C-alpha cells in the first residue's frame, strides 16, 4: 500500500512540473531518502 502511494505521489509530481520544481528542494531529498530505505 505504501509503495503504491509512493509511486502515485511521484507520478503526480511528474504531471505537475511547476509544482515539482517548487517543492523539489525539500521533497526530492525526502523521496530519495524513501527510495533508499524502501523494502521491495
C-alpha atoms as a PDB file:
ATOM      1  CA  UNK A   1       0.000   0.000   0.000  1.00  0.00           C
ATOM      2  CA  UNK A   2       2.774   2.411   0.915  1.00  0.00           C
ATOM      3  CA  UNK A   3       4.630   1.542  -2.270  1.00  0.00           C
ATOM      4  CA  UNK A   4       1.570   2.388  -4.381  1.00  0.00           C
ATOM      5  CA  UNK A   5       1.142   5.700  -2.593  1.00  0.00           C
ATOM      6  CA  UNK A   6       4.823   6.469  -3.078  1.00  0.00           C
ATOM      7  CA  UNK A   7       4.768   5.882  -6.828  1.00  0.00           C
ATOM      8  CA  UNK A   8       1.422   7.653  -7.100  1.00  0.00           C
ATOM      9  CA  UNK A   9       2.988  10.714  -5.492  1.00  0.00           C
ATOM     10  CA  UNK A  10       5.940  10.581  -7.890  1.00  0.00           C
ATOM     11  CA  UNK A  11       3.546  10.331 -10.839  1.00  0.00           C
ATOM     12  CA  UNK A  12       1.589  13.313  -9.535  1.00  0.00           C
ATOM     13  CA  UNK A  13       4.782  15.371  -9.384  1.00  0.00           C
ATOM     14  CA  UNK A  14       5.698  14.364 -12.928  1.00  0.00           C
ATOM     15  CA  UNK A  15       2.286  15.576 -14.123  1.00  0.00           C
ATOM     16  CA  UNK A  16       2.832  18.936 -12.405  1.00  0.00           C
ATOM     17  CA  UNK A  17       6.384  20.043 -13.275  1.00  0.00           C
ATOM     18  CA  UNK A  18       5.884  23.576 -11.931  1.00  0.00           C
ATOM     19  CA  UNK A  19       4.741  22.264  -8.547  1.00  0.00           C
ATOM     20  CA  UNK A  20       7.559  19.725  -8.657  1.00  0.00           C
ATOM     21  CA  UNK A  21      10.159  22.451  -9.112  1.00  0.00           C
ATOM     22  CA  UNK A  22       8.627  24.479  -6.291  1.00  0.00           C
ATOM     23  CA  UNK A  23       8.867  21.625  -3.775  1.00  0.00           C
ATOM     24  CA  UNK A  24      11.910  19.845  -5.185  1.00  0.00           C
ATOM     25  CA  UNK A  25      14.383  21.279  -2.707  1.00  0.00           C
ATOM     26  CA  UNK A  26      12.581  19.579   0.174  1.00  0.00           C
ATOM     27  CA  UNK A  27      10.597  16.735  -1.358  1.00  0.00           C
ATOM     28  CA  UNK A  28      13.242  15.361  -3.704  1.00  0.00           C
ATOM     29  CA  UNK A  29      15.526  14.784  -0.746  1.00  0.00           C
ATOM     30  CA  UNK A  30      12.714  13.066   1.121  1.00  0.00           C
ATOM     31  CA  UNK A  31      11.826  10.944  -1.905  1.00  0.00           C
ATOM     32  CA  UNK A  32      15.447   9.935  -2.429  1.00  0.00           C
ATOM     33  CA  UNK A  33      15.707   9.018   1.231  1.00  0.00           C
ATOM     34  CA  UNK A  34      12.483   7.000   0.995  1.00  0.00           C
ATOM     35  CA  UNK A  35      13.695   5.117  -2.076  1.00  0.00           C
ATOM     36  CA  UNK A  36      16.966   4.228  -0.356  1.00  0.00           C
ATOM     37  CA  UNK A  37      15.088   2.824   2.629  1.00  0.00           C
ATOM     38  CA  UNK A  38      12.349   1.054   0.658  1.00  0.00           C
ATOM     39  CA  UNK A  39      11.926  -2.683   1.125  1.00  0.00           C
ATOM     40  CA  UNK A  40      10.903  -4.421  -2.111  1.00  0.00           C
END
